[in-house]
């Protein structure tokens, strides 16, 4: 599961569709409607908010907005709540890490999208997040050698038997 902090406009088609499906799964988890993925680290930041289900709904709305902008027809009736105004912080270090990770994925599957991402100035975050200074998030699974920002001891290589280092 990868719930990108980056703005959905940075993702390629495959990434955007995967994000939609994974965010819907996250919504299901946060509503307590599934047994799997309950302890997934990507959900920690949502759970730490005052209203996790409202926050994931806002996140889904931002993904749906990007899909609509591209002419895709995502079923927004699957979003369990109306739009809200809740946001949470995301660090510059987290965005930098995710941008590096996204570029690695785009190098393999969509060089045209990679060129578009490379042309942008600055890193744009998903509207659900407010950008603040700081390192990579403590919940992020990151090997030290992939990190563009020095990792703190709490977020160094926490590979949990996935059999590869290509995390979504």
N, C-alpha and C. Protein backbone atom coordinates (compact mmCIF):
# COMPACT_ATOMS: atom_id res chain seq x y z
N UNK A 1 0.86 -1.17 0.00
CA UNK A 1 0.00 0.00 0.00
C UNK A 1 0.90 1.23 0.00
N UNK A 2 0.64 2.15 -0.91
CA UNK A 2 1.36 3.42 -0.94
C UNK A 2 0.31 4.52 -1.08
N UNK A 3 0.15 5.28 -0.02
CA UNK A 3 -0.73 6.44 -0.04
C UNK A 3 0.17 7.67 -0.19
N UNK A 4 0.38 8.05 -1.43
CA UNK A 4 1.32 9.10 -1.76
C UNK A 4 0.97 10.41 -1.08
N UNK A 5 1.98 11.08 -0.54
CA UNK A 5 1.82 12.44 -0.02
C UNK A 5 1.91 13.43 -1.17
N UNK A 6 2.51 13.01 -2.26
CA UNK A 6 2.65 13.84 -3.45
C UNK A 6 1.28 14.12 -4.07
N UNK A 7 1.19 15.21 -4.79
CA UNK A 7 -0.05 15.53 -5.48
C UNK A 7 -0.34 14.45 -6.53
N UNK A 8 -1.57 14.02 -6.65
CA UNK A 8 -1.90 12.95 -7.62
C UNK A 8 -1.57 13.30 -9.06
N UNK A 9 -1.43 14.58 -9.38
CA UNK A 9 -1.10 14.98 -10.75
C UNK A 9 0.30 14.51 -11.17
N UNK A 10 1.14 14.17 -10.21
CA UNK A 10 2.48 13.69 -10.51
C UNK A 10 2.49 12.23 -10.95
N UNK A 11 1.43 11.51 -10.64
CA UNK A 11 1.39 10.07 -10.93
C UNK A 11 1.03 9.79 -12.38
N UNK A 12 1.54 8.69 -12.87
CA UNK A 12 1.14 8.21 -14.19
C UNK A 12 -0.22 7.50 -14.06
N UNK A 13 -0.75 7.05 -15.17
CA UNK A 13 -2.06 6.40 -15.17
C UNK A 13 -2.10 5.20 -14.24
N UNK A 14 -1.08 4.36 -14.32
CA UNK A 14 -1.04 3.16 -13.48
C UNK A 14 -0.98 3.56 -12.01
N UNK A 15 -0.17 4.54 -11.69
CA UNK A 15 -0.04 5.00 -10.31
C UNK A 15 -1.32 5.60 -9.76
N UNK A 16 -2.02 6.37 -10.59
CA UNK A 16 -3.26 7.00 -10.14
C UNK A 16 -4.35 5.96 -9.87
N UNK A 17 -4.48 5.01 -10.76
CA UNK A 17 -5.49 3.95 -10.57
C UNK A 17 -5.14 3.11 -9.33
N UNK A 18 -3.87 2.79 -9.16
CA UNK A 18 -3.45 2.02 -7.99
C UNK A 18 -3.70 2.82 -6.71
N UNK A 19 -3.43 4.11 -6.76
CA UNK A 19 -3.66 4.95 -5.59
C UNK A 19 -5.14 4.97 -5.20
N UNK A 20 -6.01 5.06 -6.19
CA UNK A 20 -7.45 5.05 -5.93
C UNK A 20 -7.85 3.75 -5.21
N UNK A 21 -7.39 2.63 -5.75
CA UNK A 21 -7.75 1.34 -5.15
C UNK A 21 -7.18 1.19 -3.74
N UNK A 22 -5.94 1.63 -3.56
CA UNK A 22 -5.31 1.50 -2.25
C UNK A 22 -5.92 2.45 -1.22
N UNK A 23 -6.31 3.64 -1.66
CA UNK A 23 -6.97 4.58 -0.74
C UNK A 23 -8.36 4.08 -0.37
N UNK A 24 -9.05 3.43 -1.30
CA UNK A 24 -10.34 2.82 -0.95
C UNK A 24 -10.15 1.70 0.07
N UNK A 25 -9.09 0.92 -0.10
CA UNK A 25 -8.77 -0.11 0.88
C UNK A 25 -8.47 0.53 2.24
N UNK A 26 -7.70 1.60 2.23
CA UNK A 26 -7.38 2.30 3.48
C UNK A 26 -8.65 2.81 4.16
N UNK A 27 -9.58 3.32 3.37
CA UNK A 27 -10.86 3.77 3.92
C UNK A 27 -11.58 2.62 4.61
N UNK A 28 -11.58 1.48 3.95
CA UNK A 28 -12.23 0.30 4.51
C UNK A 28 -11.58 -0.10 5.84
N UNK A 29 -10.25 -0.06 5.86
CA UNK A 29 -9.51 -0.40 7.09
C UNK A 29 -9.86 0.59 8.20
N UNK A 30 -9.86 1.88 7.89
CA UNK A 30 -10.12 2.90 8.91
C UNK A 30 -11.56 2.87 9.42
N UNK A 31 -12.46 2.35 8.62
CA UNK A 31 -13.84 2.16 9.06
C UNK A 31 -14.02 0.83 9.81
N UNK A 32 -12.96 0.03 9.89
CA UNK A 32 -13.03 -1.24 10.60
C UNK A 32 -13.76 -2.32 9.82
N UNK A 33 -13.78 -2.20 8.50
CA UNK A 33 -14.55 -3.12 7.66
C UNK A 33 -13.70 -4.22 7.03
N UNK A 34 -12.47 -4.39 7.48
CA UNK A 34 -11.63 -5.45 6.94
C UNK A 34 -10.61 -5.88 7.99
N UNK A 35 -10.16 -7.10 7.87
CA UNK A 35 -9.18 -7.63 8.82
C UNK A 35 -7.75 -7.31 8.37
N UNK A 36 -7.51 -7.31 7.07
CA UNK A 36 -6.17 -7.09 6.56
C UNK A 36 -5.73 -5.64 6.63
N UNK A 37 -4.44 -5.42 6.60
CA UNK A 37 -3.81 -4.11 6.53
C UNK A 37 -4.09 -3.20 7.73
N UNK A 38 -4.64 -3.73 8.80
CA UNK A 38 -4.97 -2.91 9.97
C UNK A 38 -3.76 -2.23 10.58
N UNK A 39 -2.60 -2.85 10.47
CA UNK A 39 -1.40 -2.31 11.10
C UNK A 39 -0.40 -1.77 10.08
N UNK A 40 -0.87 -1.46 8.89
CA UNK A 40 0.02 -0.97 7.85
C UNK A 40 0.56 0.41 8.23
N UNK A 41 1.88 0.61 8.11
CA UNK A 41 2.48 1.88 8.52
C UNK A 41 1.94 3.10 7.77
N UNK A 42 1.50 2.93 6.53
CA UNK A 42 0.97 4.06 5.77
C UNK A 42 -0.28 4.66 6.43
N UNK A 43 -0.94 3.88 7.27
CA UNK A 43 -2.18 4.36 7.91
C UNK A 43 -1.92 5.12 9.21
N UNK A 44 -0.70 5.05 9.73
CA UNK A 44 -0.39 5.69 11.02
C UNK A 44 -0.74 7.17 11.01
N UNK A 45 -0.35 7.89 9.97
CA UNK A 45 -0.60 9.33 9.96
C UNK A 45 -2.09 9.66 9.90
N UNK A 46 -2.86 8.81 9.26
CA UNK A 46 -4.30 9.02 9.22
C UNK A 46 -4.90 8.78 10.60
N UNK A 47 -4.45 7.72 11.24
CA UNK A 47 -4.96 7.38 12.58
C UNK A 47 -4.59 8.44 13.62
N UNK A 48 -3.50 9.14 13.42
CA UNK A 48 -3.07 10.15 14.39
C UNK A 48 -3.88 11.45 14.28
N UNK A 49 -4.68 11.56 13.25
CA UNK A 49 -5.48 12.78 13.09
C UNK A 49 -6.70 12.72 14.01
N UNK A 50 -7.35 13.86 14.16
CA UNK A 50 -8.55 13.92 15.00
C UNK A 50 -9.68 13.08 14.43
N UNK A 51 -9.74 13.00 13.10
CA UNK A 51 -10.84 12.28 12.45
C UNK A 51 -10.29 11.50 11.24
N UNK A 52 -9.76 10.29 11.48
CA UNK A 52 -9.14 9.52 10.40
C UNK A 52 -10.07 9.25 9.22
N UNK A 53 -11.33 8.97 9.46
CA UNK A 53 -12.23 8.64 8.35
C UNK A 53 -12.55 9.87 7.50
N UNK A 54 -12.62 11.02 8.12
CA UNK A 54 -12.81 12.26 7.36
C UNK A 54 -11.56 12.56 6.55
N UNK A 55 -10.41 12.33 7.15
CA UNK A 55 -9.15 12.60 6.47
C UNK A 55 -8.97 11.70 5.25
N UNK A 56 -9.26 10.41 5.37
CA UNK A 56 -9.10 9.52 4.22
C UNK A 56 -10.14 9.87 3.15
N UNK A 57 -11.31 10.34 3.56
CA UNK A 57 -12.30 10.79 2.57
C UNK A 57 -11.76 11.99 1.80
N UNK A 58 -11.18 12.95 2.49
CA UNK A 58 -10.58 14.11 1.81
C UNK A 58 -9.51 13.66 0.83
N UNK A 59 -8.71 12.71 1.27
CA UNK A 59 -7.65 12.17 0.43
C UNK A 59 -8.25 11.56 -0.84
N UNK A 60 -9.28 10.75 -0.67
CA UNK A 60 -9.94 10.12 -1.81
C UNK A 60 -10.54 11.16 -2.75
N UNK A 61 -11.12 12.21 -2.20
CA UNK A 61 -11.68 13.28 -3.04
C UNK A 61 -10.59 13.93 -3.89
N UNK A 62 -9.40 14.12 -3.32
CA UNK A 62 -8.31 14.72 -4.10
C UNK A 62 -7.88 13.81 -5.24
N UNK A 63 -7.89 12.51 -5.00
CA UNK A 63 -7.54 11.55 -6.05
C UNK A 63 -8.63 11.54 -7.13
N UNK A 64 -9.88 11.58 -6.69
CA UNK A 64 -11.01 11.60 -7.64
C UNK A 64 -10.99 12.88 -8.49
N UNK A 65 -10.61 14.00 -7.88
CA UNK A 65 -10.52 15.26 -8.62
C UNK A 65 -9.49 15.15 -9.74
N UNK A 66 -8.34 14.57 -9.44
CA UNK A 66 -7.31 14.40 -10.46
C UNK A 66 -7.79 13.45 -11.55
N UNK A 67 -8.46 12.39 -11.17
CA UNK A 67 -8.99 11.44 -12.16
C UNK A 67 -9.98 12.14 -13.10
N UNK A 68 -10.86 12.93 -12.52
CA UNK A 68 -11.84 13.66 -13.33
C UNK A 68 -11.13 14.63 -14.28
N UNK A 69 -10.11 15.30 -13.78
CA UNK A 69 -9.31 16.23 -14.60
C UNK A 69 -8.72 15.52 -15.82
N UNK A 70 -8.37 14.25 -15.65
CA UNK A 70 -7.79 13.47 -16.74
C UNK A 70 -8.83 12.78 -17.61
N UNK A 71 -10.09 12.91 -17.26
CA UNK A 71 -11.15 12.28 -18.04
C UNK A 71 -11.48 10.86 -17.61
N UNK A 72 -10.99 10.44 -16.45
CA UNK A 72 -11.29 9.11 -15.93
C UNK A 72 -12.61 9.18 -15.16
N UNK A 73 -13.24 8.03 -15.02
CA UNK A 73 -14.53 7.98 -14.35
C UNK A 73 -14.44 7.10 -13.10
N UNK A 74 -13.86 7.63 -12.02
CA UNK A 74 -13.79 6.90 -10.76
C UNK A 74 -15.14 7.01 -10.07
N UNK A 75 -15.58 5.94 -9.46
CA UNK A 75 -16.88 5.89 -8.79
C UNK A 75 -16.80 6.56 -7.42
N UNK A 76 -17.13 7.86 -7.37
CA UNK A 76 -17.02 8.62 -6.13
C UNK A 76 -18.07 8.23 -5.10
N UNK A 77 -19.06 7.43 -5.50
CA UNK A 77 -20.04 6.95 -4.52
C UNK A 77 -19.38 6.02 -3.50
N UNK A 78 -18.16 5.56 -3.81
CA UNK A 78 -17.42 4.69 -2.89
C UNK A 78 -16.78 5.48 -1.75
N UNK A 79 -16.72 6.79 -1.88
CA UNK A 79 -16.16 7.62 -0.82
C UNK A 79 -17.25 7.79 0.23
N UNK A 80 -16.95 7.39 1.45
CA UNK A 80 -17.97 7.27 2.51
C UNK A 80 -18.39 8.58 3.15
N UNK A 81 -17.65 9.65 2.91
CA UNK A 81 -17.98 10.93 3.55
C UNK A 81 -17.86 12.07 2.54
N UNK A 82 -18.54 13.17 2.85
CA UNK A 82 -18.42 14.38 2.03
C UNK A 82 -17.05 15.00 2.27
N UNK A 83 -16.73 15.95 1.42
CA UNK A 83 -15.47 16.67 1.58
C UNK A 83 -15.47 17.41 2.91
N UNK A 84 -14.30 17.48 3.49
CA UNK A 84 -14.13 18.24 4.72
C UNK A 84 -12.95 19.17 4.58
N UNK A 85 -12.61 19.84 5.65
CA UNK A 85 -11.49 20.79 5.60
C UNK A 85 -10.31 20.33 6.43
N UNK A 86 -10.31 19.11 6.88
CA UNK A 86 -9.24 18.60 7.73
C UNK A 86 -7.97 18.35 6.90
N UNK A 87 -6.84 18.76 7.43
CA UNK A 87 -5.54 18.49 6.83
C UNK A 87 -4.58 18.04 7.93
N UNK A 88 -3.49 17.43 7.52
CA UNK A 88 -2.45 17.05 8.46
C UNK A 88 -1.10 17.42 7.84
N UNK A 89 -0.07 17.53 8.67
CA UNK A 89 1.25 17.90 8.12
C UNK A 89 1.93 16.74 7.40
N UNK A 90 2.75 17.11 6.45
CA UNK A 90 3.68 16.19 5.79
C UNK A 90 5.00 16.93 5.70
N UNK A 91 6.08 16.24 5.96
CA UNK A 91 7.38 16.91 5.99
C UNK A 91 7.99 17.02 4.59
N UNK A 92 8.85 18.02 4.45
CA UNK A 92 9.59 18.18 3.20
C UNK A 92 10.43 16.94 2.91
N UNK A 93 10.99 16.35 3.97
CA UNK A 93 11.79 15.14 3.80
C UNK A 93 10.97 13.97 3.27
N UNK A 94 9.74 13.84 3.74
CA UNK A 94 8.86 12.78 3.25
C UNK A 94 8.54 13.00 1.78
N UNK A 95 8.23 14.24 1.42
CA UNK A 95 7.93 14.53 0.01
C UNK A 95 9.14 14.26 -0.88
N UNK A 96 10.33 14.65 -0.42
CA UNK A 96 11.54 14.41 -1.20
C UNK A 96 11.78 12.90 -1.39
N UNK A 97 11.57 12.14 -0.32
CA UNK A 97 11.73 10.69 -0.43
C UNK A 97 10.73 10.11 -1.43
N UNK A 98 9.48 10.52 -1.33
CA UNK A 98 8.46 9.99 -2.23
C UNK A 98 8.71 10.40 -3.67
N UNK A 99 9.20 11.61 -3.88
CA UNK A 99 9.49 12.05 -5.24
C UNK A 99 10.58 11.17 -5.85
N UNK A 100 11.62 10.89 -5.09
CA UNK A 100 12.69 9.99 -5.56
C UNK A 100 12.12 8.61 -5.87
N UNK A 101 11.28 8.11 -4.98
CA UNK A 101 10.67 6.79 -5.16
C UNK A 101 9.78 6.77 -6.41
N UNK A 102 8.99 7.81 -6.59
CA UNK A 102 8.12 7.89 -7.78
C UNK A 102 8.95 7.94 -9.05
N UNK A 103 10.00 8.72 -9.05
CA UNK A 103 10.84 8.81 -10.25
C UNK A 103 11.44 7.46 -10.61
N UNK A 104 11.81 6.67 -9.62
CA UNK A 104 12.33 5.33 -9.88
C UNK A 104 11.27 4.48 -10.57
N UNK A 105 10.05 4.58 -10.10
CA UNK A 105 8.95 3.82 -10.73
C UNK A 105 8.70 4.31 -12.16
N UNK A 106 8.68 5.61 -12.34
CA UNK A 106 8.41 6.17 -13.66
C UNK A 106 9.52 5.85 -14.66
N UNK A 107 10.76 5.75 -14.20
CA UNK A 107 11.86 5.36 -15.09
C UNK A 107 11.59 4.01 -15.73
N UNK A 108 10.92 3.13 -15.01
CA UNK A 108 10.63 1.78 -15.51
C UNK A 108 9.35 1.71 -16.33
N UNK A 109 8.36 2.54 -16.01
CA UNK A 109 7.07 2.30 -16.66
C UNK A 109 6.50 3.47 -17.46
N UNK A 110 6.98 4.70 -17.28
CA UNK A 110 6.39 5.82 -18.03
C UNK A 110 7.38 6.98 -18.13
N UNK A 111 8.26 6.89 -19.12
CA UNK A 111 9.30 7.91 -19.28
C UNK A 111 8.72 9.28 -19.64
N UNK A 112 7.60 9.30 -20.31
CA UNK A 112 6.96 10.58 -20.66
C UNK A 112 6.50 11.30 -19.39
N UNK A 113 5.87 10.57 -18.46
CA UNK A 113 5.44 11.16 -17.20
C UNK A 113 6.65 11.59 -16.37
N UNK A 114 7.72 10.82 -16.43
CA UNK A 114 8.95 11.19 -15.72
C UNK A 114 9.47 12.54 -16.21
N UNK A 115 9.44 12.75 -17.51
CA UNK A 115 9.88 14.04 -18.07
C UNK A 115 9.01 15.18 -17.56
N UNK A 116 7.70 14.95 -17.47
CA UNK A 116 6.80 15.99 -16.95
C UNK A 116 7.10 16.30 -15.49
N UNK A 117 7.35 15.26 -14.71
CA UNK A 117 7.67 15.44 -13.29
C UNK A 117 8.99 16.18 -13.14
N UNK A 118 9.96 15.83 -13.96
CA UNK A 118 11.28 16.48 -13.89
C UNK A 118 11.21 17.96 -14.26
N UNK A 119 10.28 18.35 -15.11
CA UNK A 119 10.15 19.75 -15.54
C UNK A 119 9.53 20.64 -14.46
N UNK A 120 8.80 20.04 -13.54
CA UNK A 120 8.13 20.83 -12.50
C UNK A 120 9.13 21.42 -11.52
N UNK A 121 8.83 22.59 -11.07
CA UNK A 121 9.67 23.21 -10.04
C UNK A 121 8.99 23.01 -8.70
N UNK A 122 9.75 22.53 -7.75
CA UNK A 122 9.19 22.28 -6.43
C UNK A 122 8.36 21.01 -6.40
N UNK A 123 8.05 20.58 -5.22
CA UNK A 123 7.26 19.37 -5.03
C UNK A 123 5.89 19.79 -4.52
N UNK A 124 4.87 19.38 -5.22
CA UNK A 124 3.51 19.70 -4.83
C UNK A 124 2.93 18.53 -4.02
N UNK A 125 2.31 18.85 -2.90
CA UNK A 125 1.72 17.83 -2.03
C UNK A 125 0.24 17.65 -2.34
N UNK A 126 -0.26 16.48 -2.00
CA UNK A 126 -1.70 16.23 -2.04
C UNK A 126 -2.37 17.30 -1.17
N UNK A 127 -3.51 17.86 -1.59
CA UNK A 127 -4.17 18.91 -0.82
C UNK A 127 -4.60 18.50 0.59
N UNK A 128 -4.56 17.22 0.88
CA UNK A 128 -4.89 16.72 2.21
C UNK A 128 -3.78 17.06 3.22
N UNK A 129 -2.61 17.42 2.72
CA UNK A 129 -1.46 17.65 3.57
C UNK A 129 -0.98 19.09 3.52
N UNK A 130 -0.46 19.54 4.65
CA UNK A 130 0.19 20.85 4.75
C UNK A 130 1.68 20.58 4.92
N UNK A 131 2.50 21.16 4.05
CA UNK A 131 3.93 20.89 4.05
C UNK A 131 4.61 21.66 5.18
N UNK A 132 5.44 20.93 5.95
CA UNK A 132 6.22 21.50 7.04
C UNK A 132 7.66 21.00 6.91
N UNK A 133 8.57 21.69 7.57
CA UNK A 133 9.97 21.25 7.56
C UNK A 133 10.09 19.96 8.37
N UNK A 134 11.04 19.13 7.98
CA UNK A 134 11.28 17.91 8.74
C UNK A 134 11.81 16.79 7.88
N UNK A 135 12.24 15.70 8.54
CA UNK A 135 12.82 14.54 7.84
C UNK A 135 11.73 13.59 7.32
N UNK A 136 12.17 12.50 6.80
CA UNK A 136 11.25 11.44 6.37
C UNK A 136 10.43 10.99 7.58
N UNK A 137 9.17 10.68 7.35
CA UNK A 137 8.27 10.27 8.43
C UNK A 137 8.76 8.99 9.10
N UNK A 138 8.49 8.89 10.38
CA UNK A 138 8.94 7.72 11.16
C UNK A 138 8.26 6.43 10.70
N UNK A 139 7.08 6.52 10.11
CA UNK A 139 6.37 5.32 9.68
C UNK A 139 6.86 4.81 8.32
N UNK A 140 7.62 5.60 7.59
CA UNK A 140 8.06 5.21 6.25
C UNK A 140 9.06 4.06 6.32
N UNK A 141 8.85 3.08 5.47
CA UNK A 141 9.79 1.97 5.33
C UNK A 141 10.81 2.37 4.28
N UNK A 142 12.01 2.62 4.69
CA UNK A 142 13.00 3.08 3.74
C UNK A 142 14.39 2.53 4.04
N UNK A 143 15.01 1.92 3.05
CA UNK A 143 16.41 1.53 3.25
C UNK A 143 17.26 2.79 3.23
N UNK A 144 18.28 2.85 4.04
CA UNK A 144 19.13 4.04 4.13
C UNK A 144 19.70 4.44 2.78
N UNK A 145 20.09 3.48 1.96
CA UNK A 145 20.76 3.83 0.72
C UNK A 145 19.80 4.43 -0.32
N UNK A 146 18.50 4.34 -0.12
CA UNK A 146 17.54 4.94 -1.06
C UNK A 146 17.12 6.34 -0.62
N UNK A 147 17.42 6.70 0.59
CA UNK A 147 16.91 7.92 1.16
C UNK A 147 17.66 9.16 0.69
N UNK A 148 16.95 10.17 0.14
CA UNK A 148 17.61 11.41 -0.24
C UNK A 148 17.86 12.32 0.97
N UNK A 149 17.19 12.05 2.07
CA UNK A 149 17.30 12.81 3.30
C UNK A 149 17.77 11.84 4.38
N UNK A 150 18.65 12.29 5.25
CA UNK A 150 19.15 11.40 6.30
C UNK A 150 17.99 10.83 7.11
N UNK A 151 17.94 9.53 7.23
CA UNK A 151 16.87 8.86 7.96
C UNK A 151 17.17 8.87 9.45
N UNK A 152 16.15 9.01 10.25
CA UNK A 152 16.33 8.92 11.69
C UNK A 152 16.36 7.45 12.08
N UNK A 153 16.86 7.10 13.27
CA UNK A 153 16.95 5.69 13.67
C UNK A 153 15.61 4.98 13.63
N UNK A 154 14.51 5.71 13.80
CA UNK A 154 13.20 5.06 13.84
C UNK A 154 12.68 4.67 12.47
N UNK A 155 13.27 5.21 11.38
CA UNK A 155 12.72 4.87 10.07
C UNK A 155 13.75 4.23 9.14
N UNK A 156 14.84 3.75 9.68
CA UNK A 156 15.80 3.04 8.86
C UNK A 156 15.24 1.69 8.48
N UNK A 157 15.82 1.08 7.52
CA UNK A 157 15.39 -0.17 6.90
C UNK A 157 14.53 -1.04 7.80
N UNK A 158 13.24 -1.04 7.52
CA UNK A 158 12.30 -1.87 8.26
C UNK A 158 11.57 -2.77 7.29
N UNK A 159 12.30 -3.45 6.49
CA UNK A 159 11.78 -4.36 5.48
C UNK A 159 11.16 -5.55 6.20
N UNK A 160 9.92 -5.79 6.01
CA UNK A 160 9.23 -6.84 6.77
C UNK A 160 8.87 -8.02 5.89
N UNK A 161 9.89 -8.59 5.29
CA UNK A 161 9.69 -9.85 4.58
C UNK A 161 8.88 -9.77 3.31
N UNK A 162 8.90 -8.63 2.61
CA UNK A 162 8.14 -8.54 1.38
C UNK A 162 8.85 -9.23 0.22
N UNK A 163 10.12 -9.52 0.40
CA UNK A 163 10.84 -10.25 -0.65
C UNK A 163 11.42 -9.36 -1.71
N UNK A 164 11.30 -8.03 -1.56
CA UNK A 164 11.89 -7.10 -2.51
C UNK A 164 11.96 -5.74 -1.85
N UNK A 165 12.69 -4.84 -2.44
CA UNK A 165 12.79 -3.50 -1.85
C UNK A 165 12.01 -2.46 -2.62
N UNK A 166 11.15 -2.89 -3.51
CA UNK A 166 10.33 -1.97 -4.29
C UNK A 166 8.97 -1.82 -3.62
N UNK A 167 8.88 -0.92 -2.67
CA UNK A 167 7.62 -0.70 -1.95
C UNK A 167 6.72 0.22 -2.74
N UNK A 168 5.47 0.01 -2.68
CA UNK A 168 4.51 0.87 -3.36
C UNK A 168 4.40 2.18 -2.67
